[in-house]
Structure formats: C-alpha cells, structure tokens
Amino acid sequence: MAELFVDLLITNNDLTLDSGGEPLLLNNRDSIAQDIKHLIRESGLMVVIIGMRDPIQVKIRLQQLVLLIEDDERLIPGTVAITQADTELFYVTADTVDFGPIDLYIAI
C-alpha cells in the first residue's frame, strides 16, 4: 500500500485555516506538489532565471532545477519536466511513484 504523505496547506506564505480556525491539510499528490513548489522557491534558481537573457544559461539553470526536483524519492526519476510558458510562467510536470502525475505552474 502507498505511504500517506500529509502536509499543512500554505497559501500566500501563510497557513490556510478552515472556518473553525484549524489548519487545512493536504495529502499524497497535493502534498508532493506543494513540496516541489517550496523546493523551487527555496533554491533561488527561478529568480536567477528571470534575470537571464541568454537562453543557453536559462536552459542550464532549468536543468539544475529538474535535477533538484528529481532527488525527491516520491517521484519517478526521468519524469520531471519544466517548460517555460512566458517570461514569468513555468509549468512543472512529474510522475509520482504511488499517486500518478503532478502538474503545477510557477508564476514569478
């Protein structure tokens, strides 16, 4: 049976609370997706990418980010992809080992 992953829901850098003041929880695929967003943010690579004009350097930094994300043992290696939709919008896709695909976007 798949392991259960539980996390607190973070929205706009703060805990998200229900109407009773209790923190909302995420589990499994949603928890992994949130962890990926936080990893990307904490790496600082997206800030560097936004300021770059050289497409080769952007691709190098995106590959570094893919490698960081692929270190997550809950993801199937080789399935992480990052595509740039425009200057400040990136789509990240990956397959989890137990919970199916993850699709998320990062807006800088």
C-alpha atoms as a PDB file:
ATOM      1  CA  MET A   1       0.000   0.000   0.000  1.00  0.00           C
ATOM      2  CA  ALA A   2       1.179   3.528  -0.757  1.00  0.00           C
ATOM      3  CA  GLU A   3       2.576   5.584   2.085  1.00  0.00           C
ATOM      4  CA  LEU A   4       0.434   8.522   3.158  1.00  0.00           C
ATOM      5  CA  PHE A   5       2.023  11.968   2.946  1.00  0.00           C
ATOM      6  CA  VAL A   6       0.340  14.770   4.885  1.00  0.00           C
ATOM      7  CA  ASP A   7       1.248  18.449   4.940  1.00  0.00           C
ATOM      8  CA  LEU A   8      -0.259  21.753   6.047  1.00  0.00           C
ATOM      9  CA  LEU A   9      -1.767  23.822   3.230  1.00  0.00           C
ATOM     10  CA  ILE A  10       0.221  27.012   2.692  1.00  0.00           C
ATOM     11  CA  THR A  11      -1.357  29.891   0.752  1.00  0.00           C
ATOM     12  CA  ASN A  12       0.406  33.229   0.244  1.00  0.00           C
ATOM     13  CA  ASN A  13       3.181  32.245   2.673  1.00  0.00           C
ATOM     14  CA  ASP A  14       0.756  31.505   5.494  1.00  0.00           C
ATOM     15  CA  LEU A  15      -1.230  28.604   6.887  1.00  0.00           C
ATOM     16  CA  THR A  16      -4.661  28.197   5.370  1.00  0.00           C
ATOM     17  CA  LEU A  17      -7.319  27.827   8.049  1.00  0.00           C
ATOM     18  CA  ASP A  18     -10.826  26.430   7.845  1.00  0.00           C
ATOM     19  CA  SER A  19     -13.883  28.260   9.223  1.00  0.00           C
ATOM     20  CA  GLY A  20     -13.143  26.847  12.680  1.00  0.00           C
ATOM     21  CA  GLY A  21      -9.589  28.197  12.696  1.00  0.00           C
ATOM     22  CA  GLU A  22      -7.986  24.798  12.174  1.00  0.00           C
ATOM     23  CA  PRO A  23      -5.220  24.356   9.590  1.00  0.00           C
ATOM     24  CA  LEU A  24      -6.250  22.663   6.343  1.00  0.00           C
ATOM     25  CA  LEU A  25      -4.276  19.594   5.327  1.00  0.00           C
ATOM     26  CA  LEU A  26      -3.004  18.274   2.022  1.00  0.00           C
ATOM     27  CA  ASN A  27      -2.146  14.683   1.401  1.00  0.00           C
ATOM     28  CA  ASN A  28      -0.365  12.494  -1.102  1.00  0.00           C
ATOM     29  CA  ARG A  29      -0.093  14.046  -4.573  1.00  0.00           C
ATOM     30  CA  ASP A  30      -1.095  17.555  -3.416  1.00  0.00           C
ATOM     31  CA  SER A  31       1.433  17.400  -0.589  1.00  0.00           C
ATOM     32  CA  ILE A  32       4.194  16.384  -3.010  1.00  0.00           C
ATOM     33  CA  ALA A  33       3.240  19.193  -5.405  1.00  0.00           C
ATOM     34  CA  GLN A  34       3.398  21.746  -2.600  1.00  0.00           C
ATOM     35  CA  ASP A  35       6.807  20.407  -1.557  1.00  0.00           C
ATOM     36  CA  ILE A  36       8.045  20.835  -5.142  1.00  0.00           C
ATOM     37  CA  LYS A  37       6.842  24.454  -5.191  1.00  0.00           C
ATOM     38  CA  HIS A  38       8.652  25.141  -1.934  1.00  0.00           C
ATOM     39  CA  LEU A  39      11.831  23.438  -3.198  1.00  0.00           C
ATOM     40  CA  ILE A  40      11.800  25.600  -6.332  1.00  0.00           C
ATOM     41  CA  ARG A  41      11.289  28.729  -4.310  1.00  0.00           C
ATOM     42  CA  GLU A  42      13.945  27.896  -1.721  1.00  0.00           C
ATOM     43  CA  SER A  43      16.523  27.006  -4.390  1.00  0.00           C
ATOM     44  CA  GLY A  44      16.510  30.606  -5.661  1.00  0.00           C
ATOM     45  CA  LEU A  45      17.068  29.388  -9.226  1.00  0.00           C
ATOM     46  CA  MET A  46      13.854  30.882 -10.585  1.00  0.00           C
ATOM     47  CA  VAL A  47      14.914  34.366  -9.512  1.00  0.00           C
ATOM     48  CA  VAL A  48      18.202  33.865 -11.361  1.00  0.00           C
ATOM     49  CA  ILE A  49      16.393  32.525 -14.449  1.00  0.00           C
ATOM     50  CA  ILE A  50      14.042  35.510 -14.650  1.00  0.00           C
ATOM     51  CA  GLY A  51      17.000  37.902 -14.802  1.00  0.00           C
ATOM     52  CA  MET A  52      18.823  35.977 -17.542  1.00  0.00           C
ATOM     53  CA  ARG A  53      18.739  36.925 -21.189  1.00  0.00           C
ATOM     54  CA  ASP A  54      20.932  34.108 -22.541  1.00  0.00           C
ATOM     55  CA  PRO A  55      18.659  31.150 -23.482  1.00  0.00           C
ATOM     56  CA  ILE A  56      21.508  28.673 -23.012  1.00  0.00           C
ATOM     57  CA  GLN A  57      22.068  29.841 -19.441  1.00  0.00           C
ATOM     58  CA  VAL A  58      18.324  29.630 -18.794  1.00  0.00           C
ATOM     59  CA  LYS A  59      18.298  26.012 -20.013  1.00  0.00           C
ATOM     60  CA  ILE A  60      21.274  25.194 -17.785  1.00  0.00           C
ATOM     61  CA  ARG A  61      19.501  26.609 -14.711  1.00  0.00           C
ATOM     62  CA  LEU A  62      16.263  24.811 -15.593  1.00  0.00           C
ATOM     63  CA  GLN A  63      18.202  21.538 -15.859  1.00  0.00           C
ATOM     64  CA  GLN A  64      19.718  22.202 -12.419  1.00  0.00           C
ATOM     65  CA  LEU A  65      16.209  22.693 -11.098  1.00  0.00           C
ATOM     66  CA  VAL A  66      14.996  19.460 -12.723  1.00  0.00           C
ATOM     67  CA  LEU A  67      17.839  17.577 -11.033  1.00  0.00           C
ATOM     68  CA  LEU A  68      16.948  19.085  -7.653  1.00  0.00           C
ATOM     69  CA  ILE A  69      13.312  18.079  -8.053  1.00  0.00           C
ATOM     70  CA  GLU A  70      14.227  14.565  -9.193  1.00  0.00           C
ATOM     71  CA  ASP A  71      16.044  13.991  -5.887  1.00  0.00           C
ATOM     72  CA  ASP A  72      12.605  13.566  -4.299  1.00  0.00           C
ATOM     73  CA  GLU A  73      12.231   9.817  -3.770  1.00  0.00           C
ATOM     74  CA  ARG A  74       8.448  10.090  -4.183  1.00  0.00           C
ATOM     75  CA  LEU A  75       8.924  10.936  -7.889  1.00  0.00           C
ATOM     76  CA  ILE A  76       9.792   8.601 -10.753  1.00  0.00           C
ATOM     77  CA  PRO A  77      13.258   9.593 -11.995  1.00  0.00           C
ATOM     78  CA  GLY A  78      13.299  10.974 -15.525  1.00  0.00           C
ATOM     79  CA  THR A  79       9.693  12.181 -15.477  1.00  0.00           C
ATOM     80  CA  VAL A  80      10.285  15.741 -14.277  1.00  0.00           C
ATOM     81  CA  ALA A  81       9.930  18.391 -16.979  1.00  0.00           C
ATOM     82  CA  ILE A  82       9.867  22.177 -16.783  1.00  0.00           C
ATOM     83  CA  THR A  83       8.563  24.222 -19.685  1.00  0.00           C
ATOM     84  CA  GLN A  84       8.591  27.982 -19.915  1.00  0.00           C
ATOM     85  CA  ALA A  85       5.234  29.396 -20.998  1.00  0.00           C
ATOM     86  CA  ASP A  86       6.406  33.013 -20.928  1.00  0.00           C
ATOM     87  CA  THR A  87       8.941  35.158 -19.123  1.00  0.00           C
ATOM     88  CA  GLU A  88       7.423  34.647 -15.703  1.00  0.00           C
ATOM     89  CA  LEU A  89       5.383  31.438 -16.009  1.00  0.00           C
ATOM     90  CA  PHE A  90       6.730  27.888 -15.896  1.00  0.00           C
ATOM     91  CA  TYR A  91       4.923  24.539 -15.936  1.00  0.00           C
ATOM     92  CA  VAL A  92       6.314  21.608 -13.981  1.00  0.00           C
ATOM     93  CA  THR A  93       5.194  18.056 -14.612  1.00  0.00           C
ATOM     94  CA  ALA A  94       6.300  14.844 -12.952  1.00  0.00           C
ATOM     95  CA  ASP A  95       5.025  11.367 -12.161  1.00  0.00           C
ATOM     96  CA  THR A  96       4.857  10.188  -8.581  1.00  0.00           C
ATOM     97  CA  VAL A  97       5.700   6.640  -7.632  1.00  0.00           C
ATOM     98  CA  ASP A  98       2.330   5.971  -5.987  1.00  0.00           C
ATOM     99  CA  PHE A  99      -0.120   8.761  -6.807  1.00  0.00           C
ATOM    100  CA  GLY A 100       0.039   9.494 -10.532  1.00  0.00           C
ATOM    101  CA  PRO A 101       1.063  12.635 -12.384  1.00  0.00           C
ATOM    102  CA  ILE A 102       1.607  16.094 -10.929  1.00  0.00           C
ATOM    103  CA  ASP A 103       1.062  19.235 -12.980  1.00  0.00           C
ATOM    104  CA  LEU A 104       1.737  22.604 -11.445  1.00  0.00           C
ATOM    105  CA  TYR A 105       2.715  26.071 -12.526  1.00  0.00           C
ATOM    106  CA  ILE A 106       5.156  28.500 -11.039  1.00  0.00           C
ATOM    107  CA  ALA A 107       4.446  32.185 -11.565  1.00  0.00           C
ATOM    108  CA  ILE A 108       7.256  34.524 -10.615  1.00  0.00           C
END
